[in-house]
């Protein structure tokens, strides 16, 4: 399998939505209620919200393609400065098709995102992400050098919460 990673544009919104429809649903099918899953899909992945993320909120998306087929995506966003003054980025999303998980695609996407951040900001800087406390990806992120920094229950609307760890890594 030949894997490549490219920047996504607004022309890729439908493709990102299709990937999310498989990846996000697969990841959270046993963690969230069906109602919360539908709410979050619309909140994060409707075409309108993806367009807003890309054009107004500064989310930068990258698509992983294997043999010409999209198999995953990652997005990062500059948030500003951390409490210690370091530039702070947020890894907003990273998902890989279920049948390719544990095959190195997620790791490549993660490192691609960190390389992008390093090119944009220089070092040192920090990258943080939110991950559901019941998501098996917690171990994946720890394996890649991220550490649990704090946790919280964050309201997202409609009476729903994201019950997350905030994990972080410093780029030197």
C-alpha atoms as a PDB file:
ATOM      1  CA  UNK A   1       0.000   0.000   0.000  1.00  0.00           C
ATOM      2  CA  UNK A   2       1.419   3.343  -1.058  1.00  0.00           C
ATOM      3  CA  UNK A   3       0.316   6.073   1.344  1.00  0.00           C
ATOM      4  CA  UNK A   4       0.370   9.774   0.601  1.00  0.00           C
ATOM      5  CA  UNK A   5      -0.860  12.738   2.610  1.00  0.00           C
ATOM      6  CA  UNK A   6      -2.088  15.926   1.009  1.00  0.00           C
ATOM      7  CA  UNK A   7      -3.708  19.163   2.157  1.00  0.00           C
ATOM      8  CA  UNK A   8      -7.483  19.103   1.947  1.00  0.00           C
ATOM      9  CA  UNK A   9      -9.470  21.988   0.506  1.00  0.00           C
ATOM     10  CA  UNK A  10     -13.119  22.973   0.594  1.00  0.00           C
ATOM     11  CA  UNK A  11     -13.504  20.816  -2.528  1.00  0.00           C
ATOM     12  CA  UNK A  12     -12.847  17.822  -0.209  1.00  0.00           C
ATOM     13  CA  UNK A  13     -15.661  18.603   2.245  1.00  0.00           C
ATOM     14  CA  UNK A  14     -17.958  15.865   0.932  1.00  0.00           C
ATOM     15  CA  UNK A  15     -15.086  13.361   1.031  1.00  0.00           C
ATOM     16  CA  UNK A  16     -14.219  14.258   4.639  1.00  0.00           C
ATOM     17  CA  UNK A  17     -17.890  13.880   5.522  1.00  0.00           C
ATOM     18  CA  UNK A  18     -17.990  10.435   3.902  1.00  0.00           C
ATOM     19  CA  UNK A  19     -14.896   9.334   5.810  1.00  0.00           C
ATOM     20  CA  UNK A  20     -16.338  10.683   9.063  1.00  0.00           C
ATOM     21  CA  UNK A  21     -19.561   8.836   8.416  1.00  0.00           C
ATOM     22  CA  UNK A  22     -17.575   5.604   8.626  1.00  0.00           C
ATOM     23  CA  UNK A  23     -14.668   6.469  10.964  1.00  0.00           C
ATOM     24  CA  UNK A  24     -16.361   8.656  13.567  1.00  0.00           C
ATOM     25  CA  UNK A  25     -19.412   6.431  13.806  1.00  0.00           C
ATOM     26  CA  UNK A  26     -17.230   3.327  14.151  1.00  0.00           C
ATOM     27  CA  UNK A  27     -15.127   4.931  16.888  1.00  0.00           C
ATOM     28  CA  UNK A  28     -18.053   6.095  19.004  1.00  0.00           C
ATOM     29  CA  UNK A  29     -20.732   3.479  18.330  1.00  0.00           C
ATOM     30  CA  UNK A  30     -20.133   1.790  21.718  1.00  0.00           C
ATOM     31  CA  UNK A  31     -19.221   4.973  23.635  1.00  0.00           C
ATOM     32  CA  UNK A  32     -21.989   7.476  22.843  1.00  0.00           C
ATOM     33  CA  UNK A  33     -25.749   7.181  22.578  1.00  0.00           C
ATOM     34  CA  UNK A  34     -27.148   7.099  19.052  1.00  0.00           C
ATOM     35  CA  UNK A  35     -28.697  10.513  19.675  1.00  0.00           C
ATOM     36  CA  UNK A  36     -25.433  12.108  20.811  1.00  0.00           C
ATOM     37  CA  UNK A  37     -23.583  10.503  17.909  1.00  0.00           C
ATOM     38  CA  UNK A  38     -26.030  12.055  15.419  1.00  0.00           C
ATOM     39  CA  UNK A  39     -25.809  15.429  17.154  1.00  0.00           C
ATOM     40  CA  UNK A  40     -21.995  15.380  17.051  1.00  0.00           C
ATOM     41  CA  UNK A  41     -21.910  14.258  13.407  1.00  0.00           C
ATOM     42  CA  UNK A  42     -23.954  17.308  12.443  1.00  0.00           C
ATOM     43  CA  UNK A  43     -22.041  19.595  14.830  1.00  0.00           C
ATOM     44  CA  UNK A  44     -18.638  18.615  13.471  1.00  0.00           C
ATOM     45  CA  UNK A  45     -19.188  17.158  10.006  1.00  0.00           C
ATOM     46  CA  UNK A  46     -22.089  18.828   8.245  1.00  0.00           C
ATOM     47  CA  UNK A  47     -20.901  20.407   5.004  1.00  0.00           C
ATOM     48  CA  UNK A  48     -21.735  23.839   6.419  1.00  0.00           C
ATOM     49  CA  UNK A  49     -19.718  23.264   9.602  1.00  0.00           C
ATOM     50  CA  UNK A  50     -16.739  21.773   7.762  1.00  0.00           C
ATOM     51  CA  UNK A  51     -16.707  24.785   5.439  1.00  0.00           C
ATOM     52  CA  UNK A  52     -16.836  27.137   8.435  1.00  0.00           C
ATOM     53  CA  UNK A  53     -13.976  25.260  10.121  1.00  0.00           C
ATOM     54  CA  UNK A  54     -11.826  25.559   6.996  1.00  0.00           C
ATOM     55  CA  UNK A  55     -12.658  29.104   5.941  1.00  0.00           C
ATOM     56  CA  UNK A  56     -13.389  30.954   9.197  1.00  0.00           C
ATOM     57  CA  UNK A  57     -11.943  29.000  12.127  1.00  0.00           C
ATOM     58  CA  UNK A  58      -8.484  28.141  10.802  1.00  0.00           C
ATOM     59  CA  UNK A  59      -8.752  24.350  10.768  1.00  0.00           C
ATOM     60  CA  UNK A  60      -6.165  22.884   8.415  1.00  0.00           C
ATOM     61  CA  UNK A  61      -7.114  19.426   7.123  1.00  0.00           C
ATOM     62  CA  UNK A  62      -4.937  16.764   5.560  1.00  0.00           C
ATOM     63  CA  UNK A  63      -6.158  13.644   3.791  1.00  0.00           C
ATOM     64  CA  UNK A  64      -4.336  10.314   3.774  1.00  0.00           C
ATOM     65  CA  UNK A  65      -4.719   8.382   0.542  1.00  0.00           C
ATOM     66  CA  UNK A  66      -3.726   4.783  -0.081  1.00  0.00           C
ATOM     67  CA  UNK A  67      -3.456   3.763  -3.697  1.00  0.00           C
ATOM     68  CA  UNK A  68      -5.505   6.837  -4.664  1.00  0.00           C
ATOM     69  CA  UNK A  69      -8.333   6.210  -2.166  1.00  0.00           C
ATOM     70  CA  UNK A  70      -8.957   8.447   0.857  1.00  0.00           C
ATOM     71  CA  UNK A  71      -8.433   6.419   4.036  1.00  0.00           C
ATOM     72  CA  UNK A  72      -8.133   9.002   6.830  1.00  0.00           C
ATOM     73  CA  UNK A  73      -7.820  12.619   7.818  1.00  0.00           C
ATOM     74  CA  UNK A  74      -6.330  14.916  10.438  1.00  0.00           C
ATOM     75  CA  UNK A  75      -6.931  18.569  11.242  1.00  0.00           C
ATOM     76  CA  UNK A  76      -5.042  21.087  13.345  1.00  0.00           C
ATOM     77  CA  UNK A  77      -5.841  24.611  14.440  1.00  0.00           C
ATOM     78  CA  UNK A  78      -3.714  27.332  16.003  1.00  0.00           C
ATOM     79  CA  UNK A  79      -5.323  28.298  19.302  1.00  0.00           C
ATOM     80  CA  UNK A  80      -2.929  31.012  20.467  1.00  0.00           C
ATOM     81  CA  UNK A  81      -0.599  30.817  23.449  1.00  0.00           C
ATOM     82  CA  UNK A  82      -0.474  28.293  26.267  1.00  0.00           C
ATOM     83  CA  UNK A  83      -0.269  29.471  29.884  1.00  0.00           C
ATOM     84  CA  UNK A  84       3.518  29.225  29.735  1.00  0.00           C
ATOM     85  CA  UNK A  85       3.636  31.373  26.590  1.00  0.00           C
ATOM     86  CA  UNK A  86       4.330  28.597  24.093  1.00  0.00           C
ATOM     87  CA  UNK A  87       2.380  28.674  20.834  1.00  0.00           C
ATOM     88  CA  UNK A  88      -0.571  26.321  21.309  1.00  0.00           C
ATOM     89  CA  UNK A  89      -2.097  24.201  18.550  1.00  0.00           C
ATOM     90  CA  UNK A  90      -5.064  21.869  18.841  1.00  0.00           C
ATOM     91  CA  UNK A  91      -5.198  18.585  16.983  1.00  0.00           C
ATOM     92  CA  UNK A  92      -8.923  18.733  16.269  1.00  0.00           C
ATOM     93  CA  UNK A  93      -9.500  15.461  14.464  1.00  0.00           C
ATOM     94  CA  UNK A  94      -7.627  12.347  13.440  1.00  0.00           C
ATOM     95  CA  UNK A  95      -9.476   9.351  12.062  1.00  0.00           C
ATOM     96  CA  UNK A  96      -8.610   6.350   9.907  1.00  0.00           C
ATOM     97  CA  UNK A  97     -10.913   3.835   8.240  1.00  0.00           C
ATOM     98  CA  UNK A  98     -11.515   0.967  10.690  1.00  0.00           C
ATOM     99  CA  UNK A  99      -9.958  -1.757   8.503  1.00  0.00           C
ATOM    100  CA  UNK A 100      -6.698   0.228   8.304  1.00  0.00           C
ATOM    101  CA  UNK A 101      -6.355   1.099  11.972  1.00  0.00           C
ATOM    102  CA  UNK A 102      -3.185  -0.239  13.607  1.00  0.00           C
ATOM    103  CA  UNK A 103      -1.547  -0.252  10.181  1.00  0.00           C
ATOM    104  CA  UNK A 104       0.496   2.918  10.560  1.00  0.00           C
ATOM    105  CA  UNK A 105      -1.838   5.382   8.809  1.00  0.00           C
ATOM    106  CA  UNK A 106      -2.816   7.160  12.032  1.00  0.00           C
ATOM    107  CA  UNK A 107       0.815   7.431  13.085  1.00  0.00           C
ATOM    108  CA  UNK A 108       1.742   8.942   9.719  1.00  0.00           C
ATOM    109  CA  UNK A 109      -1.131  11.432   9.943  1.00  0.00           C
ATOM    110  CA  UNK A 110      -0.114  12.378  13.491  1.00  0.00           C
ATOM    111  CA  UNK A 111       3.504  12.991  12.531  1.00  0.00           C
ATOM    112  CA  UNK A 112       2.443  14.876   9.408  1.00  0.00           C
ATOM    113  CA  UNK A 113       0.320  17.189  11.576  1.00  0.00           C
ATOM    114  CA  UNK A 114       3.221  17.762  13.992  1.00  0.00           C
ATOM    115  CA  UNK A 115       5.554  18.511  11.082  1.00  0.00           C
ATOM    116  CA  UNK A 116       3.074  21.032   9.718  1.00  0.00           C
ATOM    117  CA  UNK A 117       2.814  22.702  13.134  1.00  0.00           C
ATOM    118  CA  UNK A 118       6.602  22.843  13.428  1.00  0.00           C
ATOM    119  CA  UNK A 119       6.895  24.453   9.968  1.00  0.00           C
ATOM    120  CA  UNK A 120       4.209  27.021  10.793  1.00  0.00           C
ATOM    121  CA  UNK A 121       5.293  27.958  14.305  1.00  0.00           C
ATOM    122  CA  UNK A 122       8.798  26.747  14.847  1.00  0.00           C
ATOM    123  CA  UNK A 123       9.794  25.215  18.131  1.00  0.00           C
ATOM    124  CA  UNK A 124       9.187  25.047  20.944  1.00  0.00           C
ATOM    125  CA  UNK A 125       5.412  24.826  20.826  1.00  0.00           C
ATOM    126  CA  UNK A 126       2.674  22.598  22.227  1.00  0.00           C
ATOM    127  CA  UNK A 127      -0.016  20.493  20.569  1.00  0.00           C
ATOM    128  CA  UNK A 128      -3.040  19.411  22.581  1.00  0.00           C
ATOM    129  CA  UNK A 129      -6.064  17.290  21.772  1.00  0.00           C
ATOM    130  CA  UNK A 130      -9.286  16.171  23.381  1.00  0.00           C
ATOM    131  CA  UNK A 131      -9.963  12.448  23.462  1.00  0.00           C
ATOM    132  CA  UNK A 132     -12.939  10.704  25.027  1.00  0.00           C
ATOM    133  CA  UNK A 133     -11.816   8.980  28.217  1.00  0.00           C
ATOM    134  CA  UNK A 134     -13.334   5.702  26.961  1.00  0.00           C
ATOM    135  CA  UNK A 135     -11.722   5.849  23.520  1.00  0.00           C
ATOM    136  CA  UNK A 136      -9.056   3.203  22.940  1.00  0.00           C
ATOM    137  CA  UNK A 137      -7.084   5.899  21.077  1.00  0.00           C
ATOM    138  CA  UNK A 138      -5.848   7.150  24.474  1.00  0.00           C
ATOM    139  CA  UNK A 139      -3.219   4.393  24.343  1.00  0.00           C
ATOM    140  CA  UNK A 140      -2.353   5.304  20.743  1.00  0.00           C
ATOM    141  CA  UNK A 141      -1.657   8.905  21.736  1.00  0.00           C
ATOM    142  CA  UNK A 142       0.385   7.849  24.761  1.00  0.00           C
ATOM    143  CA  UNK A 143       2.431   5.549  22.524  1.00  0.00           C
ATOM    144  CA  UNK A 144       3.178   8.567  20.311  1.00  0.00           C
ATOM    145  CA  UNK A 145       4.492  10.567  23.264  1.00  0.00           C
ATOM    146  CA  UNK A 146       1.445  12.532  24.359  1.00  0.00           C
ATOM    147  CA  UNK A 147       0.611  12.717  28.018  1.00  0.00           C
ATOM    148  CA  UNK A 148      -2.623  13.246  29.906  1.00  0.00           C
ATOM    149  CA  UNK A 149      -2.586  16.805  31.180  1.00  0.00           C
ATOM    150  CA  UNK A 150      -6.107  17.214  32.575  1.00  0.00           C
ATOM    151  CA  UNK A 151      -9.641  15.990  32.086  1.00  0.00           C
ATOM    152  CA  UNK A 152     -13.073  17.486  31.995  1.00  0.00           C
ATOM    153  CA  UNK A 153     -16.691  17.191  31.009  1.00  0.00           C
ATOM    154  CA  UNK A 154     -17.253  19.825  28.351  1.00  0.00           C
ATOM    155  CA  UNK A 155     -20.796  20.881  27.353  1.00  0.00           C
ATOM    156  CA  UNK A 156     -21.345  20.830  23.591  1.00  0.00           C
ATOM    157  CA  UNK A 157     -25.023  21.737  23.463  1.00  0.00           C
ATOM    158  CA  UNK A 158     -28.341  19.901  23.495  1.00  0.00           C
ATOM    159  CA  UNK A 159     -27.532  18.609  26.995  1.00  0.00           C
ATOM    160  CA  UNK A 160     -24.522  16.598  25.750  1.00  0.00           C
ATOM    161  CA  UNK A 161     -20.978  16.583  27.070  1.00  0.00           C
ATOM    162  CA  UNK A 162     -17.604  15.498  25.813  1.00  0.00           C
ATOM    163  CA  UNK A 163     -16.028  13.491  28.644  1.00  0.00           C
ATOM    164  CA  UNK A 164     -12.423  13.959  27.656  1.00  0.00           C
ATOM    165  CA  UNK A 165      -8.809  13.824  28.584  1.00  0.00           C
ATOM    166  CA  UNK A 166      -6.790  16.746  27.318  1.00  0.00           C
ATOM    167  CA  UNK A 167      -3.507  15.296  26.120  1.00  0.00           C
ATOM    168  CA  UNK A 168      -0.481  17.234  25.041  1.00  0.00           C
ATOM    169  CA  UNK A 169       2.963  17.041  23.549  1.00  0.00           C
ATOM    170  CA  UNK A 170       5.693  19.650  23.295  1.00  0.00           C
ATOM    171  CA  UNK A 171       7.557  20.056  20.063  1.00  0.00           C
ATOM    172  CA  UNK A 172      11.181  20.914  20.686  1.00  0.00           C
END
